[in-house]
Amino acid sequence: MGHGSADRRSAGELEADVLAALWAAEAPLTPGRVQESLGGSLARTTVTTILGRLYGKGTVTRVRAGRGYAYTPTEDAPGLTARRMHSELAKDEDRRAVLARFVSQLDDEDERILRSLLDAEDGPDRPAGGAAG
């Protein structure tokens, strides 16, 4: 039952695997169901711990399911990535420098996508002419 160090994964990888299982589900999943969807490669206690951490971060919500809980992601994968990006940006006082560095490291296709998003003025949450800064 012991796993060798070659089988050991980082907490971030485990969280990503658990989130992938939740995103693929059509309904909230209990830790046991998450474990099953991952092929039983993780102990149920490990899955429960990961879900608890994700709940603490606000990444998943939970509802009572018998004596335990069933979990649902609070947002899709792109939404989670965007939230993480915002969180990282908020950590630095020089937002302009961070954004400048980020943009300078984009490949041509990502830069085109970003430009088209910034140029779009018909979004429901965006005032014409861009965001105030």
N, C-alpha and C. Protein backbone atom coordinates (compact mmCIF):
# COMPACT_ATOMS: atom_id res chain seq x y z
N MET A 1 0.81 -1.19 0.00
CA MET A 1 0.00 0.00 0.00
C MET A 1 0.86 1.25 0.00
N GLY A 2 2.11 1.17 0.37
CA GLY A 2 2.99 2.34 0.37
C GLY A 2 3.37 2.71 -1.05
N HIS A 3 3.43 3.99 -1.28
CA HIS A 3 3.81 4.48 -2.60
C HIS A 3 5.26 4.92 -2.56
N GLY A 4 6.01 4.63 -3.60
CA GLY A 4 7.39 5.06 -3.69
C GLY A 4 7.45 6.53 -4.03
N SER A 5 8.62 7.09 -3.92
CA SER A 5 8.77 8.52 -4.20
C SER A 5 8.47 8.85 -5.66
N ALA A 6 8.59 7.88 -6.55
CA ALA A 6 8.28 8.12 -7.96
C ALA A 6 6.78 8.38 -8.14
N ASP A 7 5.94 7.84 -7.25
CA ASP A 7 4.50 8.03 -7.33
C ASP A 7 4.05 9.31 -6.63
N ARG A 8 4.94 9.94 -5.91
CA ARG A 8 4.59 11.11 -5.11
C ARG A 8 4.36 12.31 -6.02
N ARG A 9 3.25 12.99 -5.78
CA ARG A 9 2.93 14.18 -6.57
C ARG A 9 2.82 15.39 -5.65
N SER A 10 3.02 16.57 -6.19
CA SER A 10 2.92 17.79 -5.38
C SER A 10 1.47 18.06 -5.04
N ALA A 11 1.27 18.88 -4.00
CA ALA A 11 -0.08 19.25 -3.60
C ALA A 11 -0.81 19.93 -4.75
N GLY A 12 -0.09 20.75 -5.52
CA GLY A 12 -0.71 21.44 -6.65
C GLY A 12 -1.20 20.47 -7.72
N GLU A 13 -0.42 19.43 -7.98
CA GLU A 13 -0.84 18.41 -8.95
C GLU A 13 -2.06 17.66 -8.45
N LEU A 14 -2.06 17.32 -7.17
CA LEU A 14 -3.20 16.61 -6.59
C LEU A 14 -4.46 17.46 -6.65
N GLU A 15 -4.32 18.74 -6.32
CA GLU A 15 -5.47 19.64 -6.39
C GLU A 15 -5.98 19.73 -7.83
N ALA A 16 -5.06 19.82 -8.78
CA ALA A 16 -5.45 19.90 -10.19
C ALA A 16 -6.20 18.64 -10.62
N ASP A 17 -5.74 17.48 -10.17
CA ASP A 17 -6.42 16.22 -10.50
C ASP A 17 -7.82 16.18 -9.91
N VAL A 18 -7.94 16.60 -8.66
CA VAL A 18 -9.25 16.59 -7.99
C VAL A 18 -10.19 17.58 -8.69
N LEU A 19 -9.68 18.76 -9.01
CA LEU A 19 -10.52 19.74 -9.72
C LEU A 19 -10.95 19.21 -11.08
N ALA A 20 -10.05 18.54 -11.79
CA ALA A 20 -10.41 17.98 -13.10
C ALA A 20 -11.55 16.98 -12.95
N ALA A 21 -11.52 16.18 -11.90
CA ALA A 21 -12.59 15.22 -11.66
C ALA A 21 -13.90 15.95 -11.38
N LEU A 22 -13.84 17.00 -10.61
CA LEU A 22 -15.06 17.77 -10.29
C LEU A 22 -15.61 18.47 -11.53
N TRP A 23 -14.71 19.02 -12.36
CA TRP A 23 -15.17 19.69 -13.58
C TRP A 23 -15.82 18.70 -14.54
N ALA A 24 -15.35 17.48 -14.56
CA ALA A 24 -15.90 16.47 -15.47
C ALA A 24 -17.24 15.93 -14.99
N ALA A 25 -17.54 16.12 -13.72
CA ALA A 25 -18.78 15.57 -13.14
C ALA A 25 -19.97 16.45 -13.49
N GLU A 26 -21.13 15.80 -13.55
CA GLU A 26 -22.36 16.54 -13.84
C GLU A 26 -23.10 16.92 -12.57
N ALA A 27 -22.57 16.51 -11.42
CA ALA A 27 -23.22 16.78 -10.14
C ALA A 27 -22.14 16.84 -9.07
N PRO A 28 -22.46 17.37 -7.90
CA PRO A 28 -21.47 17.38 -6.82
C PRO A 28 -20.97 15.97 -6.51
N LEU A 29 -19.69 15.87 -6.16
CA LEU A 29 -19.09 14.57 -5.86
C LEU A 29 -18.64 14.49 -4.40
N THR A 30 -18.84 13.31 -3.80
CA THR A 30 -18.30 13.03 -2.48
C THR A 30 -16.83 12.67 -2.64
N PRO A 31 -16.07 12.70 -1.56
CA PRO A 31 -14.67 12.28 -1.67
C PRO A 31 -14.52 10.87 -2.25
N GLY A 32 -15.41 9.97 -1.89
CA GLY A 32 -15.35 8.61 -2.43
C GLY A 32 -15.53 8.57 -3.94
N ARG A 33 -16.46 9.39 -4.44
CA ARG A 33 -16.69 9.45 -5.89
C ARG A 33 -15.51 10.10 -6.61
N VAL A 34 -14.93 11.11 -5.98
CA VAL A 34 -13.73 11.72 -6.57
C VAL A 34 -12.62 10.68 -6.66
N GLN A 35 -12.43 9.94 -5.57
CA GLN A 35 -11.41 8.90 -5.53
C GLN A 35 -11.65 7.88 -6.65
N GLU A 36 -12.88 7.45 -6.83
CA GLU A 36 -13.21 6.51 -7.90
C GLU A 36 -12.89 7.10 -9.28
N SER A 37 -13.23 8.36 -9.48
CA SER A 37 -13.02 8.96 -10.79
C SER A 37 -11.54 9.13 -11.10
N LEU A 38 -10.72 9.16 -10.05
CA LEU A 38 -9.27 9.24 -10.24
C LEU A 38 -8.63 7.85 -10.34
N GLY A 39 -9.45 6.85 -10.40
CA GLY A 39 -8.95 5.49 -10.56
C GLY A 39 -8.48 4.85 -9.26
N GLY A 40 -8.84 5.44 -8.14
CA GLY A 40 -8.46 4.86 -6.86
C GLY A 40 -6.99 4.99 -6.53
N SER A 41 -6.29 5.87 -7.23
CA SER A 41 -4.84 6.00 -7.02
C SER A 41 -4.49 6.76 -5.75
N LEU A 42 -5.46 7.48 -5.19
CA LEU A 42 -5.23 8.22 -3.96
C LEU A 42 -6.07 7.63 -2.84
N ALA A 43 -5.55 7.72 -1.63
CA ALA A 43 -6.33 7.29 -0.47
C ALA A 43 -7.51 8.23 -0.29
N ARG A 44 -8.62 7.71 0.20
CA ARG A 44 -9.80 8.55 0.40
C ARG A 44 -9.50 9.68 1.37
N THR A 45 -8.69 9.42 2.39
CA THR A 45 -8.35 10.47 3.35
C THR A 45 -7.56 11.59 2.66
N THR A 46 -6.73 11.23 1.69
CA THR A 46 -5.97 12.23 0.94
C THR A 46 -6.93 13.09 0.12
N VAL A 47 -7.87 12.45 -0.55
CA VAL A 47 -8.86 13.17 -1.35
C VAL A 47 -9.67 14.11 -0.45
N THR A 48 -10.07 13.62 0.72
CA THR A 48 -10.84 14.44 1.66
C THR A 48 -10.03 15.65 2.11
N THR A 49 -8.74 15.44 2.39
CA THR A 49 -7.87 16.54 2.79
C THR A 49 -7.75 17.58 1.68
N ILE A 50 -7.55 17.11 0.46
CA ILE A 50 -7.43 18.03 -0.69
C ILE A 50 -8.72 18.83 -0.87
N LEU A 51 -9.86 18.15 -0.77
CA LEU A 51 -11.13 18.85 -0.91
C LEU A 51 -11.31 19.89 0.20
N GLY A 52 -10.89 19.55 1.40
CA GLY A 52 -10.97 20.51 2.51
C GLY A 52 -10.12 21.74 2.25
N ARG A 53 -8.93 21.53 1.70
CA ARG A 53 -8.05 22.66 1.36
C ARG A 53 -8.66 23.51 0.26
N LEU A 54 -9.21 22.87 -0.76
CA LEU A 54 -9.85 23.61 -1.84
C LEU A 54 -11.05 24.40 -1.33
N TYR A 55 -11.79 23.81 -0.41
CA TYR A 55 -12.93 24.50 0.20
C TYR A 55 -12.44 25.72 0.98
N GLY A 56 -11.37 25.57 1.73
CA GLY A 56 -10.80 26.67 2.49
C GLY A 56 -10.33 27.82 1.60
N LYS A 57 -9.91 27.51 0.39
CA LYS A 57 -9.45 28.52 -0.56
C LYS A 57 -10.61 29.14 -1.33
N GLY A 58 -11.81 28.59 -1.17
CA GLY A 58 -12.96 29.09 -1.93
C GLY A 58 -13.03 28.56 -3.33
N THR A 59 -12.26 27.52 -3.62
CA THR A 59 -12.22 26.95 -4.97
C THR A 59 -13.37 25.99 -5.22
N VAL A 60 -13.90 25.40 -4.14
CA VAL A 60 -15.05 24.51 -4.24
C VAL A 60 -16.07 24.90 -3.18
N THR A 61 -17.31 24.54 -3.43
CA THR A 61 -18.36 24.66 -2.43
C THR A 61 -18.74 23.25 -2.02
N ARG A 62 -19.48 23.14 -0.91
CA ARG A 62 -19.89 21.81 -0.48
C ARG A 62 -21.30 21.85 0.09
N VAL A 63 -21.96 20.71 -0.06
CA VAL A 63 -23.29 20.52 0.50
C VAL A 63 -23.28 19.21 1.26
N ARG A 64 -24.12 19.13 2.27
CA ARG A 64 -24.21 17.89 3.05
C ARG A 64 -24.65 16.74 2.16
N ALA A 65 -24.00 15.61 2.35
CA ALA A 65 -24.35 14.37 1.63
C ALA A 65 -24.17 13.24 2.64
N GLY A 66 -25.24 12.87 3.29
CA GLY A 66 -25.13 11.87 4.35
C GLY A 66 -24.37 12.44 5.53
N ARG A 67 -23.35 11.71 5.97
CA ARG A 67 -22.55 12.18 7.10
C ARG A 67 -21.39 13.08 6.66
N GLY A 68 -21.19 13.19 5.36
CA GLY A 68 -20.09 14.00 4.85
C GLY A 68 -20.59 15.09 3.93
N TYR A 69 -19.77 15.40 2.95
CA TYR A 69 -20.09 16.47 2.00
C TYR A 69 -19.89 15.99 0.57
N ALA A 70 -20.57 16.69 -0.34
CA ALA A 70 -20.33 16.55 -1.77
C ALA A 70 -19.87 17.92 -2.27
N TYR A 71 -18.92 17.92 -3.18
CA TYR A 71 -18.22 19.14 -3.58
C TYR A 71 -18.48 19.49 -5.04
N THR A 72 -18.47 20.80 -5.30
CA THR A 72 -18.64 21.35 -6.64
C THR A 72 -17.64 22.48 -6.82
N PRO A 73 -16.98 22.59 -7.97
CA PRO A 73 -16.07 23.72 -8.19
C PRO A 73 -16.85 25.04 -8.25
N THR A 74 -16.25 26.11 -7.76
CA THR A 74 -16.92 27.41 -7.79
C THR A 74 -16.85 28.06 -9.16
N GLU A 75 -15.92 27.63 -9.98
CA GLU A 75 -15.79 28.18 -11.32
C GLU A 75 -15.08 27.19 -12.23
N ASP A 76 -15.14 27.46 -13.52
CA ASP A 76 -14.49 26.58 -14.48
C ASP A 76 -12.98 26.83 -14.48
N ALA A 77 -12.25 26.05 -15.25
CA ALA A 77 -10.79 26.15 -15.28
C ALA A 77 -10.30 27.53 -15.70
N PRO A 78 -10.85 28.14 -16.76
CA PRO A 78 -10.39 29.48 -17.12
C PRO A 78 -10.67 30.50 -16.01
N GLY A 79 -11.81 30.37 -15.34
CA GLY A 79 -12.13 31.28 -14.25
C GLY A 79 -11.15 31.15 -13.10
N LEU A 80 -10.77 29.93 -12.79
CA LEU A 80 -9.82 29.70 -11.71
C LEU A 80 -8.44 30.27 -12.06
N THR A 81 -8.03 30.07 -13.30
CA THR A 81 -6.74 30.63 -13.74
C THR A 81 -6.77 32.15 -13.66
N ALA A 82 -7.86 32.75 -14.10
CA ALA A 82 -7.98 34.21 -14.04
C ALA A 82 -7.93 34.70 -12.60
N ARG A 83 -8.59 33.98 -11.69
CA ARG A 83 -8.58 34.37 -10.28
C ARG A 83 -7.16 34.29 -9.71
N ARG A 84 -6.44 33.24 -10.09
CA ARG A 84 -5.05 33.10 -9.64
C ARG A 84 -4.18 34.23 -10.18
N MET A 85 -4.41 34.60 -11.43
CA MET A 85 -3.64 35.70 -12.02
C MET A 85 -3.92 37.00 -11.27
N HIS A 86 -5.17 37.26 -10.97
CA HIS A 86 -5.53 38.46 -10.20
C HIS A 86 -4.88 38.44 -8.82
N SER A 87 -4.88 37.29 -8.20
CA SER A 87 -4.29 37.15 -6.88
C SER A 87 -2.79 37.46 -6.91
N GLU A 88 -2.11 36.94 -7.92
CA GLU A 88 -0.68 37.22 -8.05
C GLU A 88 -0.44 38.70 -8.33
N LEU A 89 -1.25 39.30 -9.17
CA LEU A 89 -1.11 40.71 -9.50
C LEU A 89 -1.30 41.58 -8.26
N ALA A 90 -2.23 41.20 -7.41
CA ALA A 90 -2.52 41.97 -6.20
C ALA A 90 -1.38 41.93 -5.18
N LYS A 91 -0.48 40.98 -5.32
CA LYS A 91 0.63 40.85 -4.37
C LYS A 91 1.74 41.88 -4.59
N ASP A 92 1.74 42.53 -5.74
CA ASP A 92 2.82 43.46 -6.09
C ASP A 92 2.28 44.87 -6.18
N GLU A 93 2.95 45.81 -5.56
CA GLU A 93 2.51 47.20 -5.58
C GLU A 93 2.70 47.85 -6.95
N ASP A 94 3.68 47.39 -7.71
CA ASP A 94 3.95 47.97 -9.02
C ASP A 94 3.23 47.16 -10.10
N ARG A 95 1.92 47.32 -10.13
CA ARG A 95 1.08 46.56 -11.06
C ARG A 95 1.48 46.83 -12.51
N ARG A 96 1.85 48.08 -12.79
CA ARG A 96 2.23 48.43 -14.17
C ARG A 96 3.43 47.61 -14.61
N ALA A 97 4.44 47.48 -13.73
CA ALA A 97 5.63 46.70 -14.08
C ALA A 97 5.28 45.23 -14.27
N VAL A 98 4.43 44.72 -13.42
CA VAL A 98 4.04 43.30 -13.52
C VAL A 98 3.30 43.07 -14.84
N LEU A 99 2.34 43.94 -15.13
CA LEU A 99 1.58 43.78 -16.38
C LEU A 99 2.48 43.97 -17.60
N ALA A 100 3.39 44.92 -17.53
CA ALA A 100 4.32 45.14 -18.66
C ALA A 100 5.17 43.90 -18.89
N ARG A 101 5.67 43.32 -17.83
CA ARG A 101 6.49 42.11 -17.95
C ARG A 101 5.66 40.96 -18.51
N PHE A 102 4.43 40.83 -18.00
CA PHE A 102 3.55 39.76 -18.48
C PHE A 102 3.31 39.89 -19.99
N VAL A 103 2.94 41.09 -20.40
CA VAL A 103 2.65 41.32 -21.82
C VAL A 103 3.89 41.10 -22.67
N SER A 104 5.06 41.51 -22.18
CA SER A 104 6.28 41.36 -22.97
C SER A 104 6.65 39.90 -23.18
N GLN A 105 6.13 39.03 -22.34
CA GLN A 105 6.46 37.61 -22.46
C GLN A 105 5.40 36.79 -23.21
N LEU A 106 4.36 37.46 -23.71
CA LEU A 106 3.34 36.76 -24.49
C LEU A 106 3.87 36.39 -25.86
N ASP A 107 3.44 35.24 -26.36
CA ASP A 107 3.79 34.92 -27.75
C ASP A 107 2.85 35.71 -28.67
N ASP A 108 3.12 35.69 -29.96
CA ASP A 108 2.37 36.52 -30.90
C ASP A 108 0.87 36.22 -30.87
N GLU A 109 0.51 34.95 -30.80
CA GLU A 109 -0.91 34.58 -30.82
C GLU A 109 -1.62 35.08 -29.56
N ASP A 110 -1.00 34.89 -28.39
CA ASP A 110 -1.62 35.37 -27.15
C ASP A 110 -1.72 36.90 -27.14
N GLU A 111 -0.73 37.56 -27.72
CA GLU A 111 -0.79 39.02 -27.79
C GLU A 111 -1.95 39.47 -28.67
N ARG A 112 -2.16 38.78 -29.79
CA ARG A 112 -3.30 39.10 -30.67
C ARG A 112 -4.62 38.90 -29.93
N ILE A 113 -4.71 37.81 -29.18
CA ILE A 113 -5.94 37.54 -28.42
C ILE A 113 -6.17 38.62 -27.38
N LEU A 114 -5.13 38.98 -26.65
CA LEU A 114 -5.27 40.01 -25.63
C LEU A 114 -5.66 41.35 -26.24
N ARG A 115 -5.02 41.69 -27.38
CA ARG A 115 -5.37 42.95 -28.04
C ARG A 115 -6.84 42.96 -28.46
N SER A 116 -7.32 41.87 -29.00
CA SER A 116 -8.71 41.83 -29.45
C SER A 116 -9.67 41.94 -28.25
N LEU A 117 -9.29 41.35 -27.13
CA LEU A 117 -10.13 41.46 -25.93
C LEU A 117 -10.14 42.88 -25.40
N LEU A 118 -8.98 43.52 -25.40
CA LEU A 118 -8.89 44.89 -24.90
C LEU A 118 -9.58 45.88 -25.84
N ASP A 119 -9.58 45.58 -27.14
CA ASP A 119 -10.21 46.47 -28.11
C ASP A 119 -11.73 46.30 -28.15
N ALA A 120 -12.22 45.18 -27.66
CA ALA A 120 -13.67 44.94 -27.68
C ALA A 120 -14.34 45.88 -26.69
N GLU A 121 -15.29 46.65 -27.17
CA GLU A 121 -15.96 47.61 -26.29
C GLU A 121 -17.42 47.24 -26.06
N ASP A 122 -17.84 46.09 -26.52
CA ASP A 122 -19.25 45.76 -26.39
C ASP A 122 -19.54 44.79 -25.26
N GLY A 123 -18.56 44.53 -24.40
CA GLY A 123 -18.80 43.64 -23.27
C GLY A 123 -19.75 44.28 -22.28
N PRO A 124 -20.61 43.49 -21.62
CA PRO A 124 -21.62 44.02 -20.71
C PRO A 124 -21.02 44.66 -19.46
N ASP A 125 -19.85 44.24 -19.04
CA ASP A 125 -19.25 44.76 -17.81
C ASP A 125 -18.16 45.79 -18.07
N ARG A 126 -18.02 46.19 -19.32
CA ARG A 126 -16.90 47.06 -19.67
C ARG A 126 -17.40 48.36 -20.27
N PRO A 127 -17.05 49.49 -19.69
CA PRO A 127 -17.47 50.76 -20.28
C PRO A 127 -16.74 51.00 -21.60
N ALA A 128 -17.37 51.74 -22.49
CA ALA A 128 -16.74 52.07 -23.76
C ALA A 128 -15.45 52.81 -23.51
N GLY A 129 -14.41 52.48 -24.28
CA GLY A 129 -13.13 53.15 -24.14
C GLY A 129 -12.19 52.48 -23.19
N GLY A 130 -12.57 51.36 -22.63
CA GLY A 130 -11.66 50.64 -21.74
C GLY A 130 -11.94 50.92 -20.29
N ALA A 131 -11.25 50.19 -19.45
CA ALA A 131 -11.43 50.30 -18.01
C ALA A 131 -10.67 51.50 -17.47
N ALA A 132 -11.23 52.07 -16.43
CA ALA A 132 -10.55 53.18 -15.77
C ALA A 132 -9.36 52.66 -15.02
N GLY A 133 -8.28 53.41 -14.96
CA GLY A 133 -7.11 52.89 -14.27
C GLY A 133 -6.48 53.97 -13.54
